[in-house]
C-alpha atoms as a PDB file:
ATOM      1  CA  MET A   1      17.799 -19.466-145.628  1.00  0.00           C
ATOM      2  CA  THR A   2      17.113 -23.174-145.984  1.00  0.00           C
ATOM      3  CA  THR A   3      15.188 -25.400-148.379  1.00  0.00           C
ATOM      4  CA  VAL A   4      13.385 -28.322-146.723  1.00  0.00           C
ATOM      5  CA  SER A   5      12.628 -31.377-148.859  1.00  0.00           C
ATOM      6  CA  LEU A   6      10.644 -34.474-147.943  1.00  0.00           C
ATOM      7  CA  HIS A   7      11.117 -37.485-150.216  1.00  0.00           C
ATOM      8  CA  GLN A   8       8.535 -40.300-150.105  1.00  0.00           C
ATOM      9  CA  LEU A   9       8.107 -40.041-146.351  1.00  0.00           C
ATOM     10  CA  SER A  10       6.088 -42.848-144.758  1.00  0.00           C
ATOM     11  CA  HIS A  11       5.546 -43.684-141.121  1.00  0.00           C
ATOM     12  CA  SER A  12       3.527 -45.923-138.822  1.00  0.00           C
ATOM     13  CA  PHE A  13       3.281 -45.954-135.054  1.00  0.00           C
ATOM     14  CA  PRO A  14       3.204 -49.311-133.205  1.00  0.00           C
ATOM     15  CA  PHE A  15      -0.230 -51.002-133.183  1.00  0.00           C
ATOM     16  CA  SER A  16      -1.781 -48.334-135.440  1.00  0.00           C
ATOM     17  CA  SER A  17      -2.544 -47.751-139.086  1.00  0.00           C
ATOM     18  CA  PRO A  18       0.050 -45.912-141.214  1.00  0.00           C
ATOM     19  CA  VAL A  19      -0.044 -42.159-140.557  1.00  0.00           C
ATOM     20  CA  LEU A  20       2.043 -41.022-143.556  1.00  0.00           C
ATOM     21  CA  HIS A  21       1.979 -42.412-147.104  1.00  0.00           C
ATOM     22  CA  ASP A  22       4.804 -41.437-149.494  1.00  0.00           C
ATOM     23  CA  VAL A  23       4.711 -37.728-148.647  1.00  0.00           C
ATOM     24  CA  SER A  24       6.930 -35.663-150.957  1.00  0.00           C
ATOM     25  CA  LEU A  25       7.154 -31.914-150.524  1.00  0.00           C
ATOM     26  CA  THR A  26       9.668 -29.103-151.038  1.00  0.00           C
ATOM     27  CA  VAL A  27       9.543 -25.906-148.986  1.00  0.00           C
ATOM     28  CA  GLY A  28      11.593 -23.177-150.633  1.00  0.00           C
ATOM     29  CA  GLN A  29      14.069 -20.830-148.993  1.00  0.00           C
ATOM     30  CA  GLY A  30      12.196 -18.199-147.002  1.00  0.00           C
ATOM     31  CA  GLU A  31       8.812 -19.740-147.854  1.00  0.00           C
ATOM     32  CA  LEU A  32       5.891 -20.029-145.453  1.00  0.00           C
ATOM     33  CA  MET A  33       4.333 -23.415-146.139  1.00  0.00           C
ATOM     34  CA  VAL A  34       1.122 -24.408-144.377  1.00  0.00           C
ATOM     35  CA  LEU A  35       0.376 -28.077-143.713  1.00  0.00           C
ATOM     36  CA  LEU A  36      -3.415 -28.149-143.685  1.00  0.00           C
ATOM     37  CA  GLY A  37      -5.769 -31.014-143.026  1.00  0.00           C
ATOM     38  CA  PRO A  38      -8.289 -32.567-140.657  1.00  0.00           C
ATOM     39  CA  SER A  39      -7.310 -34.176-137.370  1.00  0.00           C
ATOM     40  CA  GLY A  40      -5.314 -37.358-137.904  1.00  0.00           C
ATOM     41  CA  SER A  41      -4.074 -36.433-141.376  1.00  0.00           C
ATOM     42  CA  GLY A  42      -0.386 -36.606-140.387  1.00  0.00           C
ATOM     43  CA  LYS A  43       0.435 -32.892-140.135  1.00  0.00           C
ATOM     44  CA  THR A  44       2.087 -32.932-136.716  1.00  0.00           C
ATOM     45  CA  THR A  45       3.921 -36.186-137.460  1.00  0.00           C
ATOM     46  CA  ILE A  46       5.572 -34.484-140.438  1.00  0.00           C
ATOM     47  CA  LEU A  47       6.545 -31.521-138.284  1.00  0.00           C
ATOM     48  CA  ARG A  48       8.013 -33.768-135.591  1.00  0.00           C
ATOM     49  CA  ALA A  49       9.925 -35.758-138.208  1.00  0.00           C
ATOM     50  CA  ILE A  50      11.470 -32.562-139.586  1.00  0.00           C
ATOM     51  CA  ALA A  51      12.413 -31.491-136.054  1.00  0.00           C
ATOM     52  CA  GLY A  52      14.008 -34.884-135.369  1.00  0.00           C
ATOM     53  CA  LEU A  53      11.494 -35.925-132.720  1.00  0.00           C
ATOM     54  CA  VAL A  54      10.164 -38.789-134.881  1.00  0.00           C
ATOM     55  CA  GLN A  55      12.300 -41.101-137.009  1.00  0.00           C
ATOM     56  CA  PRO A  56      10.267 -41.836-140.160  1.00  0.00           C
ATOM     57  CA  GLY A  57       9.914 -45.441-141.193  1.00  0.00           C
ATOM     58  CA  LYS A  58      10.723 -44.691-144.820  1.00  0.00           C
ATOM     59  CA  GLY A  59      11.963 -41.819-146.954  1.00  0.00           C
ATOM     60  CA  ASP A  60      14.345 -38.908-146.514  1.00  0.00           C
ATOM     61  CA  ILE A  61      14.353 -35.373-145.107  1.00  0.00           C
ATOM     62  CA  ARG A  62      16.843 -32.877-146.518  1.00  0.00           C
ATOM     63  CA  PHE A  63      17.872 -29.384-145.479  1.00  0.00           C
ATOM     64  CA  ASP A  64      19.232 -27.900-148.693  1.00  0.00           C
ATOM     65  CA  ASP A  65      21.104 -30.873-150.212  1.00  0.00           C
ATOM     66  CA  ARG A  66      21.964 -32.659-146.964  1.00  0.00           C
ATOM     67  CA  SER A  67      19.978 -35.473-145.366  1.00  0.00           C
ATOM     68  CA  VAL A  68      19.247 -34.772-141.702  1.00  0.00           C
ATOM     69  CA  LEU A  69      17.888 -38.199-140.769  1.00  0.00           C
ATOM     70  CA  GLY A  70      20.987 -39.037-138.747  1.00  0.00           C
ATOM     71  CA  VAL A  71      21.364 -35.553-137.275  1.00  0.00           C
ATOM     72  CA  PRO A  72      20.163 -35.109-133.667  1.00  0.00           C
ATOM     73  CA  PRO A  73      17.386 -32.538-133.115  1.00  0.00           C
ATOM     74  CA  GLU A  74      19.627 -29.987-131.391  1.00  0.00           C
ATOM     75  CA  ARG A  75      21.973 -29.866-134.396  1.00  0.00           C
ATOM     76  CA  ARG A  76      19.399 -29.595-137.184  1.00  0.00           C
ATOM     77  CA  GLY A  77      18.752 -25.883-136.810  1.00  0.00           C
ATOM     78  CA  ALA A  78      14.980 -26.476-136.760  1.00  0.00           C
ATOM     79  CA  VAL A  79      12.982 -25.080-133.839  1.00  0.00           C
ATOM     80  CA  MET A  80       9.441 -26.204-133.053  1.00  0.00           C
ATOM     81  CA  VAL A  81       6.803 -24.074-131.318  1.00  0.00           C
ATOM     82  CA  PHE A  82       4.154 -26.301-129.757  1.00  0.00           C
ATOM     83  CA  GLN A  83       0.431 -25.651-129.404  1.00  0.00           C
ATOM     84  CA  GLU A  84       0.728 -25.756-125.595  1.00  0.00           C
ATOM     85  CA  HIS A  85       3.420 -22.973-125.475  1.00  0.00           C
ATOM     86  CA  ALA A  86       5.738 -25.161-123.285  1.00  0.00           C
ATOM     87  CA  LEU A  87       7.053 -22.217-121.252  1.00  0.00           C
ATOM     88  CA  PHE A  88       8.956 -22.841-118.027  1.00  0.00           C
ATOM     89  CA  PRO A  89       6.518 -21.734-115.268  1.00  0.00           C
ATOM     90  CA  PHE A  90       9.317 -21.097-112.752  1.00  0.00           C
ATOM     91  CA  MET A  91      11.112 -18.655-115.087  1.00  0.00           C
ATOM     92  CA  ASP A  92      10.084 -15.131-115.986  1.00  0.00           C
ATOM     93  CA  VAL A  93       9.523 -14.099-119.596  1.00  0.00           C
ATOM     94  CA  GLY A  94      13.061 -12.862-120.096  1.00  0.00           C
ATOM     95  CA  ALA A  95      14.584 -16.107-118.818  1.00  0.00           C
ATOM     96  CA  ASN A  96      12.240 -18.179-120.981  1.00  0.00           C
ATOM     97  CA  VAL A  97      13.241 -16.283-124.115  1.00  0.00           C
ATOM     98  CA  ALA A  98      16.929 -16.406-123.162  1.00  0.00           C
ATOM     99  CA  PHE A  99      16.954 -20.155-122.466  1.00  0.00           C
ATOM    100  CA  GLY A 100      18.214 -21.270-125.874  1.00  0.00           C
ATOM    101  CA  LEU A 101      20.892 -18.603-125.956  1.00  0.00           C
ATOM    102  CA  ARG A 102      22.167 -19.623-122.517  1.00  0.00           C
ATOM    103  CA  MET A 103      22.357 -23.245-123.627  1.00  0.00           C
ATOM    104  CA  ARG A 104      24.542 -22.024-126.499  1.00  0.00           C
ATOM    105  CA  ARG A 105      26.737 -20.100-124.024  1.00  0.00           C
ATOM    106  CA  VAL A 106      26.079 -16.716-125.611  1.00  0.00           C
ATOM    107  CA  GLU A 107      27.630 -13.765-123.738  1.00  0.00           C
ATOM    108  CA  ALA A 108      25.280 -12.154-121.148  1.00  0.00           C
ATOM    109  CA  THR A 109      25.144  -8.650-122.637  1.00  0.00           C
ATOM    110  CA  THR A 110      24.365 -10.114-126.050  1.00  0.00           C
ATOM    111  CA  ILE A 111      21.608 -12.233-124.509  1.00  0.00           C
ATOM    112  CA  ARG A 112      19.954  -9.189-122.932  1.00  0.00           C
ATOM    113  CA  ALA A 113      20.034  -7.288-126.208  1.00  0.00           C
ATOM    114  CA  LYS A 114      18.691 -10.207-128.246  1.00  0.00           C
ATOM    115  CA  VAL A 115      15.910 -10.928-125.726  1.00  0.00           C
ATOM    116  CA  ALA A 116      14.795  -7.293-125.759  1.00  0.00           C
ATOM    117  CA  GLN A 117      14.844  -7.284-129.551  1.00  0.00           C
ATOM    118  CA  ALA A 118      12.853 -10.534-129.792  1.00  0.00           C
ATOM    119  CA  LEU A 119      10.207  -9.362-127.314  1.00  0.00           C
ATOM    120  CA  ALA A 120       9.838  -6.066-129.146  1.00  0.00           C
ATOM    121  CA  ALA A 121       9.351  -7.977-132.395  1.00  0.00           C
ATOM    122  CA  VAL A 122       6.390  -9.879-130.903  1.00  0.00           C
ATOM    123  CA  GLN A 123       4.966  -6.702-129.326  1.00  0.00           C
ATOM    124  CA  LEU A 124       5.938  -7.600-125.751  1.00  0.00           C
ATOM    125  CA  ALA A 125       8.641  -5.017-125.091  1.00  0.00           C
ATOM    126  CA  GLY A 126       9.209  -4.555-121.346  1.00  0.00           C
ATOM    127  CA  TYR A 127       7.661  -7.905-120.359  1.00  0.00           C
ATOM    128  CA  GLU A 128      10.958  -9.512-119.286  1.00  0.00           C
ATOM    129  CA  SER A 129      10.048  -9.678-115.580  1.00  0.00           C
ATOM    130  CA  ARG A 130       6.503 -11.046-116.040  1.00  0.00           C
ATOM    131  CA  ARG A 131       5.692 -14.627-115.085  1.00  0.00           C
ATOM    132  CA  PRO A 132       3.967 -16.950-117.580  1.00  0.00           C
ATOM    133  CA  ASP A 133       0.903 -17.248-115.303  1.00  0.00           C
ATOM    134  CA  GLU A 134       0.487 -13.460-115.506  1.00  0.00           C
ATOM    135  CA  LEU A 135       0.060 -13.569-119.276  1.00  0.00           C
ATOM    136  CA  SER A 136      -2.912 -14.225-121.532  1.00  0.00           C
ATOM    137  CA  GLY A 137      -2.908 -17.193-123.890  1.00  0.00           C
ATOM    138  CA  GLY A 138      -1.991 -14.963-126.802  1.00  0.00           C
ATOM    139  CA  GLN A 139       0.873 -13.383-124.880  1.00  0.00           C
ATOM    140  CA  ARG A 140       2.239 -16.786-123.852  1.00  0.00           C
ATOM    141  CA  GLN A 141       2.224 -17.863-127.476  1.00  0.00           C
ATOM    142  CA  ARG A 142       4.111 -14.689-128.399  1.00  0.00           C
ATOM    143  CA  VAL A 143       6.737 -15.500-125.758  1.00  0.00           C
ATOM    144  CA  ALA A 144       7.120 -18.995-127.230  1.00  0.00           C
ATOM    145  CA  LEU A 145       7.523 -17.436-130.665  1.00  0.00           C
ATOM    146  CA  ALA A 146      10.147 -14.975-129.372  1.00  0.00           C
ATOM    147  CA  ARG A 147      12.044 -17.838-127.712  1.00  0.00           C
ATOM    148  CA  ALA A 148      12.159 -19.674-131.025  1.00  0.00           C
ATOM    149  CA  LEU A 149      13.164 -16.666-133.117  1.00  0.00           C
ATOM    150  CA  VAL A 150      15.874 -15.393-130.782  1.00  0.00           C
ATOM    151  CA  ILE A 151      18.238 -18.261-131.641  1.00  0.00           C
ATOM    152  CA  GLU A 152      17.850 -17.518-135.369  1.00  0.00           C
ATOM    153  CA  PRO A 153      16.900 -21.041-136.524  1.00  0.00           C
ATOM    154  CA  ARG A 154      17.287 -22.256-140.088  1.00  0.00           C
ATOM    155  CA  VAL A 155      13.708 -23.547-140.062  1.00  0.00           C
ATOM    156  CA  LEU A 156      10.802 -22.579-137.785  1.00  0.00           C
ATOM    157  CA  LEU A 157       8.070 -25.174-137.191  1.00  0.00           C
ATOM    158  CA  LEU A 158       4.734 -24.042-135.734  1.00  0.00           C
ATOM    159  CA  ASP A 159       2.217 -26.652-134.542  1.00  0.00           C
ATOM    160  CA  GLU A 160      -1.325 -25.203-134.352  1.00  0.00           C
ATOM    161  CA  PRO A 161      -0.078 -21.958-132.717  1.00  0.00           C
ATOM    162  CA  LEU A 162      -3.462 -20.220-133.024  1.00  0.00           C
ATOM    163  CA  SER A 163      -5.922 -22.985-132.162  1.00  0.00           C
ATOM    164  CA  SER A 164      -6.521 -22.053-128.513  1.00  0.00           C
ATOM    165  CA  LEU A 165      -6.975 -18.314-129.099  1.00  0.00           C
ATOM    166  CA  GLU A 166     -10.104 -16.195-129.449  1.00  0.00           C
ATOM    167  CA  PRO A 167     -10.881 -15.026-133.020  1.00  0.00           C
ATOM    168  CA  SER A 168      -9.610 -11.458-132.550  1.00  0.00           C
ATOM    169  CA  LEU A 169      -6.374 -12.689-130.953  1.00  0.00           C
ATOM    170  CA  ARG A 170      -5.933 -15.325-133.665  1.00  0.00           C
ATOM    171  CA  GLU A 171      -6.012 -12.718-136.404  1.00  0.00           C
ATOM    172  CA  ASP A 172      -3.622 -10.410-134.556  1.00  0.00           C
ATOM    173  CA  LEU A 173      -1.047 -13.130-133.842  1.00  0.00           C
ATOM    174  CA  ARG A 174      -1.435 -14.547-137.342  1.00  0.00           C
ATOM    175  CA  ASP A 175      -0.515 -11.156-138.787  1.00  0.00           C
ATOM    176  CA  THR A 176       2.436 -10.899-136.388  1.00  0.00           C
ATOM    177  CA  ILE A 177       3.759 -14.318-137.427  1.00  0.00           C
ATOM    178  CA  ARG A 178       3.476 -13.447-141.113  1.00  0.00           C
ATOM    179  CA  THR A 179       5.217 -10.095-140.647  1.00  0.00           C
ATOM    180  CA  LEU A 180       8.064 -11.620-138.638  1.00  0.00           C
ATOM    181  CA  GLN A 181       8.532 -14.408-141.165  1.00  0.00           C
ATOM    182  CA  GLN A 182       8.765 -11.947-144.039  1.00  0.00           C
ATOM    183  CA  GLN A 183      11.136  -9.640-142.177  1.00  0.00           C
ATOM    184  CA  ALA A 184      13.462 -12.461-141.132  1.00  0.00           C
ATOM    185  CA  GLY A 185      13.179 -14.333-144.428  1.00  0.00           C
ATOM    186  CA  ILE A 186      13.052 -17.567-142.464  1.00  0.00           C
ATOM    187  CA  THR A 187      11.775 -20.860-143.860  1.00  0.00           C
ATOM    188  CA  MET A 188       8.601 -21.632-141.898  1.00  0.00           C
ATOM    189  CA  ILE A 189       6.245 -24.612-141.795  1.00  0.00           C
ATOM    190  CA  PHE A 190       2.915 -23.896-140.112  1.00  0.00           C
ATOM    191  CA  VAL A 191       0.463 -26.651-139.140  1.00  0.00           C
ATOM    192  CA  THR A 192      -3.263 -25.942-138.847  1.00  0.00           C
ATOM    193  CA  HIS A 193      -6.662 -27.565-139.393  1.00  0.00           C
ATOM    194  CA  ASP A 194      -8.264 -24.151-140.030  1.00  0.00           C
ATOM    195  CA  GLN A 195      -8.779 -23.124-143.658  1.00  0.00           C
ATOM    196  CA  THR A 196      -9.096 -19.419-142.806  1.00  0.00           C
ATOM    197  CA  ASP A 197      -5.739 -19.333-141.019  1.00  0.00           C
ATOM    198  CA  ALA A 198      -4.099 -21.306-143.819  1.00  0.00           C
ATOM    199  CA  VAL A 199      -5.357 -19.084-146.616  1.00  0.00           C
ATOM    200  CA  ALA A 200      -4.506 -15.876-144.744  1.00  0.00           C
ATOM    201  CA  ILE A 201      -0.908 -16.733-143.878  1.00  0.00           C
ATOM    202  CA  ALA A 202       0.479 -19.147-146.484  1.00  0.00           C
ATOM    203  CA  ASP A 203       2.692 -18.656-149.485  1.00  0.00           C
ATOM    204  CA  ARG A 204       1.619 -22.171-150.407  1.00  0.00           C
ATOM    205  CA  ILE A 205      -0.585 -24.818-148.815  1.00  0.00           C
ATOM    206  CA  CYS A 206      -0.038 -28.571-148.690  1.00  0.00           C
ATOM    207  CA  LEU A 207      -3.385 -30.267-148.060  1.00  0.00           C
ATOM    208  CA  LEU A 208      -3.111 -33.644-146.341  1.00  0.00           C
ATOM    209  CA  MET A 209      -5.857 -36.233-146.014  1.00  0.00           C
ATOM    210  CA  GLN A 210      -5.377 -39.632-144.361  1.00  0.00           C
ATOM    211  CA  GLY A 211      -1.605 -39.199-144.374  1.00  0.00           C
ATOM    212  CA  ALA A 212      -1.286 -38.437-148.084  1.00  0.00           C
ATOM    213  CA  VAL A 213      -0.765 -35.223-150.047  1.00  0.00           C
ATOM    214  CA  ARG A 214      -3.906 -34.287-151.985  1.00  0.00           C
ATOM    215  CA  GLN A 215      -2.930 -30.903-153.400  1.00  0.00           C
ATOM    216  CA  ILE A 216      -0.086 -28.384-153.127  1.00  0.00           C
ATOM    217  CA  GLY A 217      -0.391 -24.821-154.370  1.00  0.00           C
ATOM    218  CA  GLU A 218      -1.067 -21.185-153.678  1.00  0.00           C
ATOM    219  CA  PRO A 219      -4.157 -20.557-151.520  1.00  0.00           C
ATOM    220  CA  ARG A 220      -6.241 -19.311-154.449  1.00  0.00           C
ATOM    221  CA  SER A 221      -5.755 -22.552-156.378  1.00  0.00           C
ATOM    222  CA  PHE A 222      -7.713 -24.547-153.783  1.00  0.00           C
ATOM    223  CA  PHE A 223     -10.764 -22.376-154.402  1.00  0.00           C
ATOM    224  CA  GLU A 224     -10.460 -21.935-158.148  1.00  0.00           C
ATOM    225  CA  ARG A 225      -8.872 -25.234-159.238  1.00  0.00           C
ATOM    226  CA  PRO A 226      -9.348 -28.026-156.653  1.00  0.00           C
ATOM    227  CA  VAL A 227      -7.939 -31.296-157.948  1.00  0.00           C
ATOM    228  CA  ASP A 228     -10.931 -33.372-156.853  1.00  0.00           C
ATOM    229  CA  SER A 229     -14.261 -33.168-155.054  1.00  0.00           C
ATOM    230  CA  ASP A 230     -12.759 -34.030-151.641  1.00  0.00           C
ATOM    231  CA  VAL A 231     -10.464 -30.999-151.848  1.00  0.00           C
ATOM    232  CA  ALA A 232     -13.344 -28.831-153.039  1.00  0.00           C
ATOM    233  CA  ARG A 233     -15.544 -29.964-150.137  1.00  0.00           C
ATOM    234  CA  PHE A 234     -12.787 -29.373-147.581  1.00  0.00           C
ATOM    235  CA  PHE A 235     -12.841 -25.685-148.453  1.00  0.00           C
ATOM    236  CA  GLY A 236     -16.600 -25.677-148.005  1.00  0.00           C
ATOM    237  CA  GLY A 237     -19.800 -24.416-149.544  1.00  0.00           C
ATOM    238  CA  ILE A 238     -19.172 -25.258-153.188  1.00  0.00           C
ATOM    239  CA  ASN A 239     -21.934 -26.026-155.699  1.00  0.00           C
ATOM    240  CA  PHE A 240     -21.760 -29.438-157.421  1.00  0.00           C
ATOM    241  CA  LEU A 241     -23.727 -30.277-160.568  1.00  0.00           C
ATOM    242  CA  PRO A 242     -23.437 -33.553-162.507  1.00  0.00           C
ATOM    243  CA  GLY A 243     -23.291 -32.951-166.231  1.00  0.00           C
ATOM    244  CA  ILE A 244     -22.315 -34.219-169.661  1.00  0.00           C
ATOM    245  CA  LYS A 245     -19.645 -32.253-171.510  1.00  0.00           C
ATOM    246  CA  ARG A 246     -19.714 -31.810-175.278  1.00  0.00           C
ATOM    247  CA  GLY A 247     -17.107 -29.351-176.433  1.00  0.00           C
ATOM    248  CA  ARG A 248     -17.609 -26.066-174.575  1.00  0.00           C
ATOM    249  CA  ILE A 249     -21.160 -26.951-173.485  1.00  0.00           C
ATOM    250  CA  VAL A 250     -22.095 -28.999-170.421  1.00  0.00           C
ATOM    251  CA  GLU A 251     -25.664 -30.285-170.153  1.00  0.00           C
ATOM    252  CA  THR A 252     -26.870 -30.076-166.523  1.00  0.00           C
ATOM    253  CA  ASP A 253     -30.130 -30.113-164.579  1.00  0.00           C
ATOM    254  CA  LEU A 254     -29.972 -26.303-164.767  1.00  0.00           C
ATOM    255  CA  GLY A 255     -29.797 -26.436-168.550  1.00  0.00           C
ATOM    256  CA  PRO A 256     -26.804 -26.080-170.885  1.00  0.00           C
ATOM    257  CA  LEU A 257     -23.815 -24.203-169.430  1.00  0.00           C
ATOM    258  CA  GLU A 258     -20.988 -22.727-171.466  1.00  0.00           C
ATOM    259  CA  VAL A 259     -17.514 -23.412-170.002  1.00  0.00           C
ATOM    260  CA  ASP A 260     -13.925 -22.402-170.756  1.00  0.00           C
ATOM    261  CA  ASP A 261     -12.442 -25.779-169.792  1.00  0.00           C
ATOM    262  CA  THR A 262     -11.168 -27.381-173.000  1.00  0.00           C
ATOM    263  CA  GLU A 263      -8.730 -29.796-171.318  1.00  0.00           C
ATOM    264  CA  ARG A 264     -11.358 -32.018-169.713  1.00  0.00           C
ATOM    265  CA  PRO A 265     -12.453 -34.695-172.228  1.00  0.00           C
ATOM    266  CA  ASP A 266     -16.061 -34.932-173.328  1.00  0.00           C
ATOM    267  CA  GLY A 267     -18.377 -37.137-171.309  1.00  0.00           C
ATOM    268  CA  ASP A 268     -19.637 -37.253-167.744  1.00  0.00           C
ATOM    269  CA  VAL A 269     -18.224 -34.505-165.515  1.00  0.00           C
ATOM    270  CA  LEU A 270     -18.855 -32.794-162.205  1.00  0.00           C
ATOM    271  CA  VAL A 271     -19.486 -29.064-162.599  1.00  0.00           C
ATOM    272  CA  THR A 272     -18.301 -26.924-159.682  1.00  0.00           C
ATOM    273  CA  ILE A 273     -18.720 -23.231-158.974  1.00  0.00           C
ATOM    274  CA  ARG A 274     -18.174 -21.437-155.690  1.00  0.00           C
ATOM    275  CA  PRO A 275     -21.066 -19.462-154.139  1.00  0.00           C
ATOM    276  CA  GLU A 276     -19.057 -16.228-154.280  1.00  0.00           C
ATOM    277  CA  ALA A 277     -18.582 -16.695-158.045  1.00  0.00           C
ATOM    278  CA  VAL A 278     -22.336 -16.764-158.768  1.00  0.00           C
ATOM    279  CA  GLU A 279     -23.523 -13.305-159.804  1.00  0.00           C
ATOM    280  CA  VAL A 280     -26.933 -11.675-159.522  1.00  0.00           C
ATOM    281  CA  GLY A 281     -28.137 -10.383-162.906  1.00  0.00           C
ATOM    282  CA  THR A 282     -27.481 -11.270-166.547  1.00  0.00           C
ATOM    283  CA  ASN A 283     -24.305 -11.073-168.595  1.00  0.00           C
ATOM    284  CA  GLY A 284     -24.444 -12.673-172.019  1.00  0.00           C
ATOM    285  CA  HIS A 285     -24.297 -16.404-171.211  1.00  0.00           C
ATOM    286  CA  ASN A 286     -25.209 -18.920-168.496  1.00  0.00           C
ATOM    287  CA  ASN A 287     -28.128 -16.826-167.243  1.00  0.00           C
ATOM    288  CA  LEU A 288     -30.636 -18.631-165.017  1.00  0.00           C
ATOM    289  CA  VAL A 289     -33.949 -17.744-163.408  1.00  0.00           C
ATOM    290  CA  GLY A 290     -34.725 -19.216-160.001  1.00  0.00           C
ATOM    291  CA  MET A 291     -36.700 -18.763-156.802  1.00  0.00           C
ATOM    292  CA  VAL A 292     -35.171 -17.709-153.491  1.00  0.00           C
ATOM    293  CA  GLU A 293     -35.525 -20.604-151.035  1.00  0.00           C
ATOM    294  CA  SER A 294     -33.283 -19.375-148.225  1.00  0.00           C
ATOM    295  CA  TYR A 295     -31.477 -16.217-147.124  1.00  0.00           C
ATOM    296  CA  SER A 296     -29.074 -15.881-144.201  1.00  0.00           C
ATOM    297  CA  PHE A 297     -27.365 -12.675-143.054  1.00  0.00           C
ATOM    298  CA  GLN A 298     -23.859 -13.566-141.796  1.00  0.00           C
ATOM    299  CA  GLY A 299     -22.313 -10.205-140.982  1.00  0.00           C
ATOM    300  CA  LEU A 300     -19.801  -9.346-143.692  1.00  0.00           C
ATOM    301  CA  VAL A 301     -21.705 -11.423-146.261  1.00  0.00           C
ATOM    302  CA  ALA A 302     -25.098 -13.041-146.764  1.00  0.00           C
ATOM    303  CA  ARG A 303     -25.838 -16.532-148.104  1.00  0.00           C
ATOM    304  CA  CYS A 304     -28.722 -17.194-150.440  1.00  0.00           C
ATOM    305  CA  GLY A 305     -30.148 -20.452-151.785  1.00  0.00           C
ATOM    306  CA  ALA A 306     -31.917 -20.288-155.152  1.00  0.00           C
ATOM    307  CA  GLY A 307     -34.066 -23.142-156.458  1.00  0.00           C
ATOM    308  CA  ILE A 308     -33.699 -23.823-160.183  1.00  0.00           C
ATOM    309  CA  SER A 309     -35.254 -26.893-161.838  1.00  0.00           C
ATOM    310  CA  ASP A 310     -35.345 -28.923-158.602  1.00  0.00           C
ATOM    311  CA  THR A 311     -31.710 -27.980-157.866  1.00  0.00           C
ATOM    312  CA  GLN A 312     -30.613 -25.478-155.229  1.00  0.00           C
ATOM    313  CA  LEU A 313     -27.734 -23.179-156.092  1.00  0.00           C
ATOM    314  CA  GLN A 314     -25.875 -21.437-153.262  1.00  0.00           C
ATOM    315  CA  LEU A 315     -24.582 -17.906-153.736  1.00  0.00           C
ATOM    316  CA  THR A 316     -22.785 -15.379-151.554  1.00  0.00           C
ATOM    317  CA  VAL A 317     -23.941 -11.767-151.769  1.00  0.00           C
ATOM    318  CA  THR A 318     -23.167  -8.540-149.949  1.00  0.00           C
ATOM    319  CA  PRO A 319     -25.150  -7.919-146.751  1.00  0.00           C
ATOM    320  CA  TYR A 320     -26.824  -5.005-148.525  1.00  0.00           C
ATOM    321  CA  GLN A 321     -28.399  -7.294-151.111  1.00  0.00           C
ATOM    322  CA  ARG A 322     -31.593  -8.495-149.445  1.00  0.00           C
ATOM    323  CA  PHE A 323     -33.758 -11.250-150.831  1.00  0.00           C
ATOM    324  CA  HIS A 324     -36.958 -12.804-149.542  1.00  0.00           C
ATOM    325  CA  ARG A 325     -38.167 -16.376-149.690  1.00  0.00           C
ATOM    326  CA  GLY A 326     -40.318 -16.914-152.797  1.00  0.00           C
ATOM    327  CA  GLU A 327     -38.776 -13.977-154.651  1.00  0.00           C
ATOM    328  CA  GLU A 328     -37.686 -14.506-158.256  1.00  0.00           C
ATOM    329  CA  ILE A 329     -33.946 -14.102-158.802  1.00  0.00           C
ATOM    330  CA  VAL A 330     -31.870 -13.952-161.988  1.00  0.00           C
ATOM    331  CA  LEU A 331     -28.363 -15.408-161.790  1.00  0.00           C
ATOM    332  CA  HIS A 332     -25.273 -15.472-163.980  1.00  0.00           C
ATOM    333  CA  LEU A 333     -22.621 -18.211-163.854  1.00  0.00           C
ATOM    334  CA  PRO A 334     -19.397 -16.809-165.370  1.00  0.00           C
ATOM    335  CA  ARG A 335     -17.948 -19.511-167.608  1.00  0.00           C
ATOM    336  CA  GLU A 336     -14.377 -18.698-166.505  1.00  0.00           C
ATOM    337  CA  ARG A 337     -15.354 -19.424-162.890  1.00  0.00           C
ATOM    338  CA  ILE A 338     -16.780 -22.868-163.643  1.00  0.00           C
ATOM    339  CA  HIS A 339     -14.364 -25.718-162.886  1.00  0.00           C
ATOM    340  CA  LEU A 340     -14.885 -29.269-164.116  1.00  0.00           C
ATOM    341  CA  LEU A 341     -13.929 -32.378-162.154  1.00  0.00           C
ATOM    342  CA  PRO A 342     -14.244 -36.095-162.891  1.00  0.00           C
ATOM    343  CA  ALA A 343     -17.803 -37.374-162.508  1.00  0.00           C
ATOM    344  CA  GLU A 344     -18.926 -38.954-159.242  1.00  0.00           C
ATOM    345  CA  THR A 345     -21.371 -41.859-159.120  1.00  0.00           C
ATOM    346  CA  ASP A 346     -22.756 -41.181-155.627  1.00  0.00           C
ATOM    347  CA  LEU A 347     -24.198 -37.696-156.153  1.00  0.00           C
END
């Protein structure tokens, strides 16, 4: 297993703005790190730099304790799976998967055994004689994954492998990738713009915006402890309330709220609480009475908007909790679920 370290990586393409700004990141041995961010945030450039397909303008890339900047791509031990599958259309599935092994002059009987094993691992046992144009998009992506895994790389790099798939196929392949990564113990870096995919598959997430790292941590930390309002907004649907903190009390338009955050200094703050953290009913502190202004059934959950003192608070409820516009609703904001951020002037 291999540790991948990026040290103050910066890069610009000719006639364009810088795409990476002092990116530093360590991916541990056997870790699945997700590079998450909007289009143009530098995710794929980082992946290509690790693979050796882009020479960064500044900084260093290390596998364990060795810099790989001067090492050609084919000798780095990093394999990249592209969004477009990149299968050879004139080869059958078996030949596509075997390609890397043949280039390494592996013995034929060993190749056959390894190809069969790799295809079984991605749930395509017996597909050796199929042509790429006979496969679905999800199956082609599985073949590309098998082709990468069969050569037992030190590091596996996946560039938006799920983006072109239907939702049901995305979830299935996502689970397959996670299972294979855990079984092989391989260091994996997975690029996506989709928060759901990132949260479901990652050991840790590195969120990139405009070529810079904004936050690194376990998936839960982005929901419970975003470092700033931009990170909080990227994960969607959060409630923001300007307030003034005095000790454990924050004065807001909803009234005084008790909080657990003792690290944030007194003064102007931005109160945040996720819709799924808002509870219906009372529970000792931070109880509010409002009026239902909106209700939307969304399948597994329902979203409700409650008006309180000219402020609307969003909450997520079960689909079995039904509310009607104009109905009075009592809400509880658990103090341990309230997170304080620096104040913003444009709210």
